[in-house]
PDB file of N, CA and C in Angstrom:
ATOM      1  N   UNK A   1       0.588  -1.135  -0.122  1.00  0.00           N
ATOM      2  CA  UNK A   1      -0.121   0.018  -0.121  1.00  0.00           C
ATOM      3  C   UNK A   1       0.752   1.600   0.169  1.00  0.00           C
ATOM      4  N   UNK A   2       1.890   1.271   0.947  1.00  0.00           N
ATOM      5  CA  UNK A   2       2.810   2.823   0.712  1.00  0.00           C
ATOM      6  C   UNK A   2       3.158   2.514  -0.057  1.00  0.00           C
ATOM      7  N   UNK A   3       3.683   1.827  -1.248  1.00  0.00           N
ATOM      8  CA  UNK A   3       4.734   1.625  -2.029  1.00  0.00           C
ATOM      9  C   UNK A   3       3.962   2.636  -3.214  1.00  0.00           C
ATOM     10  N   UNK A   4       2.091   1.930  -3.443  1.00  0.00           N
ATOM     11  CA  UNK A   4       1.537   2.166  -4.443  1.00  0.00           C
ATOM     12  C   UNK A   4       1.223   3.558  -4.077  1.00  0.00           C
ATOM     13  N   UNK A   5       1.155   4.472  -2.767  1.00  0.00           N
ATOM     14  CA  UNK A   5       0.804   5.921  -2.199  1.00  0.00           C
ATOM     15  C   UNK A   5       2.276   6.624  -2.727  1.00  0.00           C
ATOM     16  N   UNK A   6       3.280   6.172  -2.590  1.00  0.00           N
ATOM     17  CA  UNK A   6       4.752   7.129  -3.148  1.00  0.00           C
ATOM     18  C   UNK A   6       4.786   6.684  -4.769  1.00  0.00           C
ATOM     19  N   UNK A   7       3.865   5.502  -5.733  1.00  0.00           N
ATOM     20  CA  UNK A   7       3.765   5.950  -6.766  1.00  0.00           C
ATOM     21  C   UNK A   7       3.071   6.870  -7.221  1.00  0.00           C
ATOM     22  N   UNK A   8       1.450   7.148  -7.068  1.00  0.00           N
ATOM     23  CA  UNK A   8       1.041   8.127  -6.851  1.00  0.00           C
ATOM     24  C   UNK A   8       1.540   9.396  -7.217  1.00  0.00           C
ATOM     25  N   UNK A   9       2.308   9.588  -6.005  1.00  0.00           N
ATOM     26  CA  UNK A   9       2.423  10.864  -5.892  1.00  0.00           C
ATOM     27  C   UNK A   9       3.452  11.408  -6.601  1.00  0.00           C
ATOM     28  N   UNK A  10       4.906  10.386  -6.813  1.00  0.00           N
ATOM     29  CA  UNK A  10       5.248  10.458  -7.978  1.00  0.00           C
ATOM     30  C   UNK A  10       4.784  10.990  -9.289  1.00  0.00           C
ATOM     31  N   UNK A  11       3.714  10.817  -9.395  1.00  0.00           N
ATOM     32  CA  UNK A  11       2.715  11.117 -10.917  1.00  0.00           C
ATOM     33  C   UNK A  11       2.506  12.372 -11.021  1.00  0.00           C
ATOM     34  N   UNK A  12       2.862  13.317 -10.179  1.00  0.00           N
ATOM     35  CA  UNK A  12       2.615  14.475 -10.023  1.00  0.00           C
ATOM     36  C   UNK A  12       2.682  15.423 -11.108  1.00  0.00           C
ATOM     37  N   UNK A  13       1.261  16.277 -11.226  1.00  0.00           N
ATOM     38  CA  UNK A  13       0.977  17.367 -12.030  1.00  0.00           C
ATOM     39  C   UNK A  13       0.632  18.381 -11.900  1.00  0.00           C
ATOM     40  N   UNK A  14       1.502  19.476 -12.595  1.00  0.00           N
ATOM     41  CA  UNK A  14       0.729  20.619 -11.924  1.00  0.00           C
ATOM     42  C   UNK A  14      -0.802  21.222 -12.228  1.00  0.00           C
ATOM     43  N   UNK A  15      -1.773  21.548 -11.631  1.00  0.00           N
ATOM     44  CA  UNK A  15      -2.899  21.710 -11.678  1.00  0.00           C
ATOM     45  C   UNK A  15      -2.845  23.386 -10.523  1.00  0.00           C
ATOM     46  N   UNK A  16      -3.889  23.717 -10.179  1.00  0.00           N
ATOM     47  CA  UNK A  16      -4.593  24.979  -9.868  1.00  0.00           C
ATOM     48  C   UNK A  16      -3.822  24.524  -8.540  1.00  0.00           C
ATOM     49  N   UNK A  17      -3.265  25.674  -8.103  1.00  0.00           N
ATOM     50  CA  UNK A  17      -2.157  25.726  -6.815  1.00  0.00           C
ATOM     51  C   UNK A  17      -3.089  25.904  -5.998  1.00  0.00           C
ATOM     52  N   UNK A  18      -2.655  25.106  -4.765  1.00  0.00           N
ATOM     53  CA  UNK A  18      -3.075  25.023  -3.110  1.00  0.00           C
ATOM     54  C   UNK A  18      -2.820  26.172  -2.503  1.00  0.00           C
ATOM     55  N   UNK A  19      -3.349  26.754  -1.312  1.00  0.00           N
ATOM     56  CA  UNK A  19      -3.449  28.315  -0.543  1.00  0.00           C
ATOM     57  C   UNK A  19      -2.244  27.916  -0.050  1.00  0.00           C
ATOM     58  N   UNK A  20      -1.762  27.253   0.821  1.00  0.00           N
ATOM     59  CA  UNK A  20      -0.208  27.694   1.812  1.00  0.00           C
ATOM     60  C   UNK A  20      -0.425  26.039   2.408  1.00  0.00           C
ATOM     61  N   UNK A  21       0.602  26.085   3.388  1.00  0.00           N
ATOM     62  CA  UNK A  21       0.765  24.174   4.350  1.00  0.00           C
ATOM     63  C   UNK A  21      -0.195  25.114   5.539  1.00  0.00           C
ATOM     64  N   UNK A  22      -0.623  23.949   6.031  1.00  0.00           N
ATOM     65  CA  UNK A  22      -1.713  24.381   7.112  1.00  0.00           C
ATOM     66  C   UNK A  22      -1.003  24.119   8.691  1.00  0.00           C
ATOM     67  N   UNK A  23      -1.528  24.923   9.276  1.00  0.00           N
ATOM     68  CA  UNK A  23      -1.216  25.631  10.679  1.00  0.00           C
ATOM     69  C   UNK A  23      -1.152  24.713  11.522  1.00  0.00           C
ATOM     70  N   UNK A  24      -1.689  23.503  11.500  1.00  0.00           N
ATOM     71  CA  UNK A  24      -1.566  22.370  12.355  1.00  0.00           C
ATOM     72  C   UNK A  24      -1.186  21.405  11.695  1.00  0.00           C
ATOM     73  N   UNK A  25      -0.922  20.138  12.386  1.00  0.00           N
ATOM     74  CA  UNK A  25      -0.728  18.629  11.496  1.00  0.00           C
ATOM     75  C   UNK A  25      -2.277  18.067  10.940  1.00  0.00           C
ATOM     76  N   UNK A  26      -3.411  18.786  12.076  1.00  0.00           N
ATOM     77  CA  UNK A  26      -4.082  17.736  11.232  1.00  0.00           C
ATOM     78  C   UNK A  26      -4.753  18.319   9.817  1.00  0.00           C
ATOM     79  N   UNK A  27      -4.503  20.460   9.821  1.00  0.00           N
ATOM     80  CA  UNK A  27      -4.681  20.615   8.971  1.00  0.00           C
ATOM     81  C   UNK A  27      -4.200  20.736   7.740  1.00  0.00           C
ATOM     82  N   UNK A  28      -2.567  20.469   7.715  1.00  0.00           N
ATOM     83  CA  UNK A  28      -2.046  20.459   6.882  1.00  0.00           C
ATOM     84  C   UNK A  28      -2.386  18.679   6.190  1.00  0.00           C
ATOM     85  N   UNK A  29      -2.496  17.523   6.955  1.00  0.00           N
ATOM     86  CA  UNK A  29      -3.526  16.599   5.964  1.00  0.00           C
ATOM     87  C   UNK A  29      -4.717  17.043   5.579  1.00  0.00           C
ATOM     88  N   UNK A  30      -5.211  17.393   6.168  1.00  0.00           N
ATOM     89  CA  UNK A  30      -6.603  17.742   5.698  1.00  0.00           C
ATOM     90  C   UNK A  30      -6.500  18.197   3.999  1.00  0.00           C
ATOM     91  N   UNK A  31      -5.644  19.392   4.147  1.00  0.00           N
ATOM     92  CA  UNK A  31      -5.259  19.957   2.866  1.00  0.00           C
ATOM     93  C   UNK A  31      -4.955  19.321   2.278  1.00  0.00           C
ATOM     94  N   UNK A  32      -3.936  18.388   2.345  1.00  0.00           N
ATOM     95  CA  UNK A  32      -3.322  17.318   1.331  1.00  0.00           C
ATOM     96  C   UNK A  32      -4.806  16.371   0.649  1.00  0.00           C
ATOM     97  N   UNK A  33      -5.281  16.072   1.543  1.00  0.00           N
ATOM     98  CA  UNK A  33      -6.325  14.851   1.448  1.00  0.00           C
ATOM     99  C   UNK A  33      -7.508  15.443   0.652  1.00  0.00           C
ATOM    100  N   UNK A  34      -8.048  16.725   0.246  1.00  0.00           N
ATOM    101  CA  UNK A  34      -8.613  17.708  -0.390  1.00  0.00           C
ATOM    102  C   UNK A  34      -8.012  17.607  -1.678  1.00  0.00           C
ATOM    103  N   UNK A  35      -7.098  18.031  -1.668  1.00  0.00           N
ATOM    104  CA  UNK A  35      -6.335  18.116  -2.949  1.00  0.00           C
ATOM    105  C   UNK A  35      -6.148  17.003  -3.618  1.00  0.00           C
ATOM    106  N   UNK A  36      -5.923  15.637  -3.052  1.00  0.00           N
ATOM    107  CA  UNK A  36      -5.730  14.567  -3.718  1.00  0.00           C
ATOM    108  C   UNK A  36      -7.066  13.445  -4.131  1.00  0.00           C
ATOM    109  N   UNK A  37      -7.763  14.361  -3.441  1.00  0.00           N
ATOM    110  CA  UNK A  37      -9.533  13.909  -3.718  1.00  0.00           C
ATOM    111  C   UNK A  37      -9.940  14.847  -4.810  1.00  0.00           C
ATOM    112  N   UNK A  38      -9.315  15.586  -5.161  1.00  0.00           N
ATOM    113  CA  UNK A  38      -9.982  16.902  -6.457  1.00  0.00           C
ATOM    114  C   UNK A  38      -8.671  16.531  -7.230  1.00  0.00           C
ATOM    115  N   UNK A  39      -7.762  15.676  -7.448  1.00  0.00           N
ATOM    116  CA  UNK A  39      -6.834  15.517  -8.564  1.00  0.00           C
ATOM    117  C   UNK A  39      -5.666  16.855  -8.128  1.00  0.00           C
ATOM    118  N   UNK A  40      -5.816  17.657  -7.494  1.00  0.00           N
ATOM    119  CA  UNK A  40      -4.966  18.527  -7.917  1.00  0.00           C
ATOM    120  C   UNK A  40      -3.532  17.915  -6.956  1.00  0.00           C
ATOM    121  N   UNK A  41      -2.954  17.895  -8.017  1.00  0.00           N
ATOM    122  CA  UNK A  41      -1.574  17.211  -7.423  1.00  0.00           C
ATOM    123  C   UNK A  41      -0.855  18.271  -7.481  1.00  0.00           C
ATOM    124  N   UNK A  42      -0.538  19.705  -7.555  1.00  0.00           N
ATOM    125  CA  UNK A  42      -0.028  21.043  -6.988  1.00  0.00           C
ATOM    126  C   UNK A  42      -0.089  21.214  -5.771  1.00  0.00           C
ATOM    127  N   UNK A  43      -1.374  20.987  -5.439  1.00  0.00           N
ATOM    128  CA  UNK A  43      -2.025  21.131  -3.641  1.00  0.00           C
ATOM    129  C   UNK A  43      -1.160  20.025  -2.810  1.00  0.00           C
ATOM    130  N   UNK A  44      -1.257  18.826  -3.570  1.00  0.00           N
ATOM    131  CA  UNK A  44      -0.333  17.812  -2.675  1.00  0.00           C
ATOM    132  C   UNK A  44       0.683  18.123  -2.534  1.00  0.00           C
ATOM    133  N   UNK A  45       1.154  18.480  -3.575  1.00  0.00           N
ATOM    134  CA  UNK A  45       3.251  18.795  -3.645  1.00  0.00           C
ATOM    135  C   UNK A  45       3.510  19.673  -2.347  1.00  0.00           C
ATOM    136  N   UNK A  46       2.392  20.732  -2.407  1.00  0.00           N
ATOM    137  CA  UNK A  46       2.284  21.787  -1.633  1.00  0.00           C
ATOM    138  C   UNK A  46       2.849  22.040   0.336  1.00  0.00           C
ATOM    139  N   UNK A  47       2.108  20.316   0.199  1.00  0.00           N
ATOM    140  CA  UNK A  47       1.903  20.175   1.558  1.00  0.00           C
ATOM    141  C   UNK A  47       3.111  19.113   2.064  1.00  0.00           C
ATOM    142  N   UNK A  48       4.249  18.806   1.169  1.00  0.00           N
ATOM    143  CA  UNK A  48       5.038  17.627   1.223  1.00  0.00           C
ATOM    144  C   UNK A  48       6.226  18.706   1.150  1.00  0.00           C
ATOM    145  N   UNK A  49       7.383  18.302   2.143  1.00  0.00           N
ATOM    146  CA  UNK A  49       8.775  18.757   2.715  1.00  0.00           C
ATOM    147  C   UNK A  49       9.370  18.595   0.813  1.00  0.00           C
ATOM    148  N   UNK A  50       9.057  17.608   0.400  1.00  0.00           N
ATOM    149  CA  UNK A  50       9.744  17.169  -1.087  1.00  0.00           C
ATOM    150  C   UNK A  50       8.946  17.288  -2.491  1.00  0.00           C
ATOM    151  N   UNK A  51       7.974  17.942  -2.065  1.00  0.00           N
ATOM    152  CA  UNK A  51       6.773  18.257  -2.900  1.00  0.00           C
ATOM    153  C   UNK A  51       7.443  19.031  -4.688  1.00  0.00           C
ATOM    154  N   UNK A  52       8.174  19.639  -4.346  1.00  0.00           N
ATOM    155  CA  UNK A  52       8.829  20.193  -5.474  1.00  0.00           C
ATOM    156  C   UNK A  52       9.643  19.605  -6.171  1.00  0.00           C
ATOM    157  N   UNK A  53      10.164  18.464  -5.216  1.00  0.00           N
ATOM    158  CA  UNK A  53      11.039  17.746  -5.997  1.00  0.00           C
ATOM    159  C   UNK A  53      10.088  16.399  -7.120  1.00  0.00           C
ATOM    160  N   UNK A  54       9.061  16.459  -6.868  1.00  0.00           N
ATOM    161  CA  UNK A  54       7.940  15.943  -7.728  1.00  0.00           C
ATOM    162  C   UNK A  54       8.191  15.651  -8.878  1.00  0.00           C
ATOM    163  N   UNK A  55       8.043  14.784  -9.594  1.00  0.00           N
ATOM    164  CA  UNK A  55       7.835  14.950 -11.013  1.00  0.00           C
ATOM    165  C   UNK A  55       6.727  15.573 -11.370  1.00  0.00           C
ATOM    166  N   UNK A  56       6.129  15.637 -12.830  1.00  0.00           N
ATOM    167  CA  UNK A  56       5.203  15.713 -13.397  1.00  0.00           C
ATOM    168  C   UNK A  56       4.631  14.306 -13.781  1.00  0.00           C
ATOM    169  N   UNK A  57       3.291  14.318 -13.967  1.00  0.00           N
ATOM    170  CA  UNK A  57       2.733  13.125 -14.276  1.00  0.00           C
ATOM    171  C   UNK A  57       1.361  13.096 -15.521  1.00  0.00           C
ATOM    172  N   UNK A  58       0.974  11.938 -15.231  1.00  0.00           N
ATOM    173  CA  UNK A  58       0.142  11.818 -16.501  1.00  0.00           C
ATOM    174  C   UNK A  58      -1.371  11.513 -15.770  1.00  0.00           C
ATOM    175  N   UNK A  59      -2.197  11.605 -16.511  1.00  0.00           N
ATOM    176  CA  UNK A  59      -3.963  11.589 -15.987  1.00  0.00           C
ATOM    177  C   UNK A  59      -4.209  10.301 -15.239  1.00  0.00           C
ATOM    178  N   UNK A  60      -3.381   9.121 -15.687  1.00  0.00           N
ATOM    179  CA  UNK A  60      -3.709   8.096 -15.323  1.00  0.00           C
ATOM    180  C   UNK A  60      -2.951   8.352 -13.624  1.00  0.00           C
ATOM    181  N   UNK A  61      -1.813   8.903 -13.199  1.00  0.00           N
ATOM    182  CA  UNK A  61      -1.349   8.769 -12.041  1.00  0.00           C
ATOM    183  C   UNK A  61      -2.669   9.819 -11.073  1.00  0.00           C
ATOM    184  N   UNK A  62      -3.150  10.806 -11.709  1.00  0.00           N
ATOM    185  CA  UNK A  62      -3.593  11.773 -11.089  1.00  0.00           C
ATOM    186  C   UNK A  62      -5.404  11.079 -10.551  1.00  0.00           C
ATOM    187  N   UNK A  63      -6.179  10.131 -11.547  1.00  0.00           N
ATOM    188  CA  UNK A  63      -7.251   9.354 -11.213  1.00  0.00           C
ATOM    189  C   UNK A  63      -6.552   8.188 -10.451  1.00  0.00           C
ATOM    190  N   UNK A  64      -5.268   7.651 -10.330  1.00  0.00           N
ATOM    191  CA  UNK A  64      -5.283   6.789  -9.539  1.00  0.00           C
ATOM    192  C   UNK A  64      -5.229   7.212  -7.720  1.00  0.00           C
ATOM    193  N   UNK A  65      -4.797   8.483  -7.623  1.00  0.00           N
ATOM    194  CA  UNK A  65      -4.492   9.190  -6.541  1.00  0.00           C
ATOM    195  C   UNK A  65      -6.039   9.644  -6.270  1.00  0.00           C
ATOM    196  N   UNK A  66      -6.711  10.054  -7.186  1.00  0.00           N
ATOM    197  CA  UNK A  66      -8.449  10.656  -6.596  1.00  0.00           C
ATOM    198  C   UNK A  66      -9.009   9.188  -5.635  1.00  0.00           C
ATOM    199  N   UNK A  67      -8.644   8.221  -6.588  1.00  0.00           N
ATOM    200  CA  UNK A  67      -9.139   6.795  -5.946  1.00  0.00           C
ATOM    201  C   UNK A  67      -8.787   6.459  -4.859  1.00  0.00           C
ATOM    202  N   UNK A  68      -7.476   6.819  -4.740  1.00  0.00           N
ATOM    203  CA  UNK A  68      -6.740   6.360  -3.430  1.00  0.00           C
ATOM    204  C   UNK A  68      -7.510   6.505  -2.004  1.00  0.00           C
ATOM    205  N   UNK A  69      -7.429   8.559  -2.609  1.00  0.00           N
ATOM    206  CA  UNK A  69      -7.461   8.898  -1.248  1.00  0.00           C
ATOM    207  C   UNK A  69      -9.409   9.476  -1.116  1.00  0.00           C
ATOM    208  N   UNK A  70     -10.165   9.386  -2.124  1.00  0.00           N
ATOM    209  CA  UNK A  70     -11.943   9.268  -2.172  1.00  0.00           C
ATOM    210  C   UNK A  70     -12.485   9.329  -1.029  1.00  0.00           C
ATOM    211  N   UNK A  71     -12.008   7.954  -0.133  1.00  0.00           N
ATOM    212  CA  UNK A  71     -12.790   7.957   1.047  1.00  0.00           C
ATOM    213  C   UNK A  71     -12.044   7.932   2.248  1.00  0.00           C
ATOM    214  N   UNK A  72     -10.704   8.832   2.053  1.00  0.00           N
ATOM    215  CA  UNK A  72      -9.635   8.935   2.978  1.00  0.00           C
ATOM    216  C   UNK A  72     -10.238  10.004   4.220  1.00  0.00           C
ATOM    217  N   UNK A  73     -10.047   9.210   5.647  1.00  0.00           N
ATOM    218  CA  UNK A  73     -10.407  10.421   6.555  1.00  0.00           C
ATOM    219  C   UNK A  73      -9.415  10.308   7.654  1.00  0.00           C
ATOM    220  N   UNK A  74      -8.576  11.578   8.308  1.00  0.00           N
ATOM    221  CA  UNK A  74      -7.846  11.474   9.711  1.00  0.00           C
ATOM    222  C   UNK A  74      -8.842  10.912  11.067  1.00  0.00           C
ATOM    223  N   UNK A  75      -8.183   9.917  11.257  1.00  0.00           N
ATOM    224  CA  UNK A  75      -8.449   9.186  12.553  1.00  0.00           C
ATOM    225  C   UNK A  75      -8.022   9.725  13.599  1.00  0.00           C
ATOM    226  N   UNK A  76      -7.014  10.395  14.177  1.00  0.00           N
ATOM    227  CA  UNK A  76      -6.272  10.283  14.733  1.00  0.00           C
ATOM    228  C   UNK A  76      -4.831  11.117  14.349  1.00  0.00           C
ATOM    229  N   UNK A  77      -4.417  12.065  15.897  1.00  0.00           N
ATOM    230  CA  UNK A  77      -3.181  13.104  15.374  1.00  0.00           C
ATOM    231  C   UNK A  77      -2.869  12.225  17.022  1.00  0.00           C
ATOM    232  N   UNK A  78      -0.931  11.876  16.653  1.00  0.00           N
ATOM    233  CA  UNK A  78      -0.207  11.890  17.632  1.00  0.00           C
ATOM    234  C   UNK A  78       0.704  12.916  17.900  1.00  0.00           C
ATOM    235  N   UNK A  79       0.961  13.708  19.079  1.00  0.00           N
ATOM    236  CA  UNK A  79       2.239  14.714  18.786  1.00  0.00           C
ATOM    237  C   UNK A  79       3.553  13.803  19.161  1.00  0.00           C
ATOM    238  N   UNK A  80       4.305  13.638  18.620  1.00  0.00           N
ATOM    239  CA  UNK A  80       5.318  12.933  19.432  1.00  0.00           C
ATOM    240  C   UNK A  80       6.427  14.185  19.835  1.00  0.00           C
ATOM    241  N   UNK A  81       6.122  15.311  19.325  1.00  0.00           N
ATOM    242  CA  UNK A  81       7.029  16.564  20.220  1.00  0.00           C
ATOM    243  C   UNK A  81       6.445  17.895  19.623  1.00  0.00           C
ATOM    244  N   UNK A  82       6.881  18.935  19.980  1.00  0.00           N
ATOM    245  CA  UNK A  82       6.316  20.027  19.287  1.00  0.00           C
ATOM    246  C   UNK A  82       6.845  20.484  18.279  1.00  0.00           C
ATOM    247  N   UNK A  83       7.409  19.438  17.475  1.00  0.00           N
ATOM    248  CA  UNK A  83       7.947  20.020  16.109  1.00  0.00           C
ATOM    249  C   UNK A  83       7.097  18.958  15.156  1.00  0.00           C
ATOM    250  N   UNK A  84       6.691  18.034  15.761  1.00  0.00           N
ATOM    251  CA  UNK A  84       6.565  16.623  15.058  1.00  0.00           C
ATOM    252  C   UNK A  84       4.825  16.045  15.388  1.00  0.00           C
ATOM    253  N   UNK A  85       4.433  15.049  14.574  1.00  0.00           N
ATOM    254  CA  UNK A  85       3.156  15.075  14.810  1.00  0.00           C
ATOM    255  C   UNK A  85       3.113  13.751  13.757  1.00  0.00           C
ATOM    256  N   UNK A  86       2.371  12.697  14.220  1.00  0.00           N
ATOM    257  CA  UNK A  86       2.208  11.367  13.417  1.00  0.00           C
ATOM    258  C   UNK A  86       0.440  11.815  13.043  1.00  0.00           C
ATOM    259  N   UNK A  87      -0.249  11.945  12.067  1.00  0.00           N
ATOM    260  CA  UNK A  87      -1.645  11.652  11.529  1.00  0.00           C
ATOM    261  C   UNK A  87      -1.876  10.472  10.843  1.00  0.00           C
ATOM    262  N   UNK A  88      -2.736   9.655  11.597  1.00  0.00           N
ATOM    263  CA  UNK A  88      -3.453   8.436  11.600  1.00  0.00           C
ATOM    264  C   UNK A  88      -4.842   8.644   9.897  1.00  0.00           C
ATOM    265  N   UNK A  89      -4.596   8.385   9.287  1.00  0.00           N
ATOM    266  CA  UNK A  89      -5.310   8.388   7.971  1.00  0.00           C
ATOM    267  C   UNK A  89      -5.757   6.905   7.296  1.00  0.00           C
ATOM    268  N   UNK A  90      -7.197   7.149   7.785  1.00  0.00           N
ATOM    269  CA  UNK A  90      -7.480   5.658   6.931  1.00  0.00           C
ATOM    270  C   UNK A  90      -8.499   6.129   5.650  1.00  0.00           C
ATOM    271  N   UNK A  91      -7.572   4.894   4.948  1.00  0.00           N
ATOM    272  CA  UNK A  91      -7.984   4.287   3.504  1.00  0.00           C
ATOM    273  C   UNK A  91      -8.593   3.478   3.113  1.00  0.00           C
ATOM    274  N   UNK A  92      -9.510   3.221   1.881  1.00  0.00           N
ATOM    275  CA  UNK A  92      -9.518   2.086   1.713  1.00  0.00           C
ATOM    276  C   UNK A  92      -9.056   1.728   0.104  1.00  0.00           C
ATOM    277  N   UNK A  93      -8.239   0.620   0.425  1.00  0.00           N
ATOM    278  CA  UNK A  93      -7.295  -0.171  -0.657  1.00  0.00           C
ATOM    279  C   UNK A  93      -8.514   0.191  -1.596  1.00  0.00           C
ATOM    280  N   UNK A  94      -8.468  -0.109  -3.214  1.00  0.00           N
ATOM    281  CA  UNK A  94      -9.015   0.419  -4.557  1.00  0.00           C
ATOM    282  C   UNK A  94      -9.990  -1.326  -4.471  1.00  0.00           C
ATOM    283  N   UNK A  95      -8.441  -2.076  -4.737  1.00  0.00           N
ATOM    284  CA  UNK A  95      -8.808  -3.435  -4.812  1.00  0.00           C
ATOM    285  C   UNK A  95      -9.262  -4.218  -3.890  1.00  0.00           C
ATOM    286  N   UNK A  96      -8.957  -4.582  -3.121  1.00  0.00           N
ATOM    287  CA  UNK A  96      -9.254  -5.571  -1.808  1.00  0.00           C
ATOM    288  C   UNK A  96     -10.188  -4.636  -1.503  1.00  0.00           C
ATOM    289  N   UNK A  97     -10.807  -2.958  -1.127  1.00  0.00           N
ATOM    290  CA  UNK A  97     -11.442  -2.565  -0.330  1.00  0.00           C
ATOM    291  C   UNK A  97     -11.546  -2.817   0.874  1.00  0.00           C
ATOM    292  N   UNK A  98     -10.353  -3.012   1.553  1.00  0.00           N
ATOM    293  CA  UNK A  98     -10.173  -3.092   2.980  1.00  0.00           C
ATOM    294  C   UNK A  98      -9.769  -1.522   3.397  1.00  0.00           C
ATOM    295  N   UNK A  99      -9.981  -1.568   4.516  1.00  0.00           N
ATOM    296  CA  UNK A  99      -9.475  -0.171   4.871  1.00  0.00           C
ATOM    297  C   UNK A  99      -8.451  -0.457   5.903  1.00  0.00           C
ATOM    298  N   UNK A 100      -7.199   0.760   6.162  1.00  0.00           N
ATOM    299  CA  UNK A 100      -5.763   0.214   6.067  1.00  0.00           C
ATOM    300  C   UNK A 100      -5.875   1.992   7.181  1.00  0.00           C
ATOM    301  N   UNK A 101      -5.340   1.949   8.043  1.00  0.00           N
ATOM    302  CA  UNK A 101      -4.815   3.545   9.115  1.00  0.00           C
ATOM    303  C   UNK A 101      -3.301   3.345   8.791  1.00  0.00           C
ATOM    304  N   UNK A 102      -2.835   4.641   7.600  1.00  0.00           N
ATOM    305  CA  UNK A 102      -1.696   5.205   6.974  1.00  0.00           C
ATOM    306  C   UNK A 102      -0.781   5.550   7.754  1.00  0.00           C
ATOM    307  N   UNK A 103      -0.173   6.264   8.364  1.00  0.00           N
ATOM    308  CA  UNK A 103       0.579   7.176   9.285  1.00  0.00           C
ATOM    309  C   UNK A 103       1.440   8.120   8.132  1.00  0.00           C
ATOM    310  N   UNK A 104       0.665   9.649   8.539  1.00  0.00           N
ATOM    311  CA  UNK A 104       1.908  10.243   8.114  1.00  0.00           C
ATOM    312  C   UNK A 104       2.132  11.323   8.743  1.00  0.00           C
ATOM    313  N   UNK A 105       3.898  11.300   9.005  1.00  0.00           N
ATOM    314  CA  UNK A 105       4.367  12.132   9.317  1.00  0.00           C
ATOM    315  C   UNK A 105       4.658  13.136   9.235  1.00  0.00           C
ATOM    316  N   UNK A 106       4.459  14.106  10.004  1.00  0.00           N
ATOM    317  CA  UNK A 106       4.105  15.570  10.282  1.00  0.00           C
ATOM    318  C   UNK A 106       5.358  16.468  10.851  1.00  0.00           C
ATOM    319  N   UNK A 107       6.185  17.159  10.605  1.00  0.00           N
ATOM    320  CA  UNK A 107       7.092  18.202  10.909  1.00  0.00           C
ATOM    321  C   UNK A 107       6.791  19.505  11.016  1.00  0.00           C
ATOM    322  N   UNK A 108       6.960  20.416  11.744  1.00  0.00           N
ATOM    323  CA  UNK A 108       7.422  21.808  11.533  1.00  0.00           C
ATOM    324  C   UNK A 108       8.184  22.601  10.696  1.00  0.00           C
ATOM    325  N   UNK A 109       7.748  23.582   9.833  1.00  0.00           N
ATOM    326  CA  UNK A 109       8.699  23.804   9.066  1.00  0.00           C
ATOM    327  C   UNK A 109       8.262  25.121   9.282  1.00  0.00           C
ATOM    328  N   UNK A 110       9.017  26.388  10.117  1.00  0.00           N
ATOM    329  CA  UNK A 110       8.904  27.615  10.136  1.00  0.00           C
ATOM    330  C   UNK A 110       7.425  27.663  11.102  1.00  0.00           C
ATOM    331  N   UNK A 111       6.485  28.333  10.785  1.00  0.00           N
ATOM    332  CA  UNK A 111       4.943  28.091  11.261  1.00  0.00           C
ATOM    333  C   UNK A 111       4.161  27.454  10.910  1.00  0.00           C
ATOM    334  N   UNK A 112       4.611  26.593   9.674  1.00  0.00           N
ATOM    335  CA  UNK A 112       3.684  25.444   9.041  1.00  0.00           C
ATOM    336  C   UNK A 112       4.082  24.564   9.450  1.00  0.00           C
ATOM    337  N   UNK A 113       3.387  23.455   9.148  1.00  0.00           N
ATOM    338  CA  UNK A 113       3.610  22.128   8.892  1.00  0.00           C
ATOM    339  C   UNK A 113       3.401  21.388   7.736  1.00  0.00           C
ATOM    340  N   UNK A 114       4.462  20.477   7.432  1.00  0.00           N
ATOM    341  CA  UNK A 114       4.726  20.046   6.158  1.00  0.00           C
ATOM    342  C   UNK A 114       4.446  18.301   6.534  1.00  0.00           C
ATOM    343  N   UNK A 115       4.074  17.710   5.309  1.00  0.00           N
ATOM    344  CA  UNK A 115       4.180  15.934   5.505  1.00  0.00           C
ATOM    345  C   UNK A 115       5.519  15.464   5.135  1.00  0.00           C
ATOM    346  N   UNK A 116       6.110  14.970   5.833  1.00  0.00           N
ATOM    347  CA  UNK A 116       7.871  14.639   5.777  1.00  0.00           C
ATOM    348  C   UNK A 116       7.766  13.094   4.745  1.00  0.00           C
ATOM    349  N   UNK A 117       8.875  14.072   4.024  1.00  0.00           N
ATOM    350  CA  UNK A 117       9.091  12.700   2.701  1.00  0.00           C
ATOM    351  C   UNK A 117       9.027  10.996   3.106  1.00  0.00           C
ATOM    352  N   UNK A 118       9.819  11.141   4.217  1.00  0.00           N
ATOM    353  CA  UNK A 118       9.506   9.216   4.652  1.00  0.00           C
ATOM    354  C   UNK A 118       8.163   8.942   5.273  1.00  0.00           C
ATOM    355  N   UNK A 119       7.395   9.722   5.198  1.00  0.00           N
ATOM    356  CA  UNK A 119       5.815   9.189   5.231  1.00  0.00           C
ATOM    357  C   UNK A 119       5.327   8.106   4.221  1.00  0.00           C
ATOM    358  N   UNK A 120       5.618   7.977   3.128  1.00  0.00           N
ATOM    359  CA  UNK A 120       5.587   6.813   2.342  1.00  0.00           C
ATOM    360  C   UNK A 120       6.304   5.884   1.942  1.00  0.00           C
TER     361      UNK A 120
END
């Protein structure tokens, strides 16, 4: 599952830009999920530390991302420190239809929170 998520994210494309990274770990991941659900890969990239380094993708990758996160929802947030948190997101595997909790590692960058490169 994690490899599939990484593959989807690496198939990035530039669409409508998102507003900004979130002021809390939960907000950052919610912005990421909203962007992913709508196919806004540029918005997805803006929520990640390595987002600017992700490649340009194709319609197939964007569709896969939309399918993967179509029913995703935040389950909980665990603060590890003042600058690091784990946000657990419930996603449904599009093939098996099983639900899984995926941990998103989020760390503070300036006044905003961004999803860490090693989350996937």
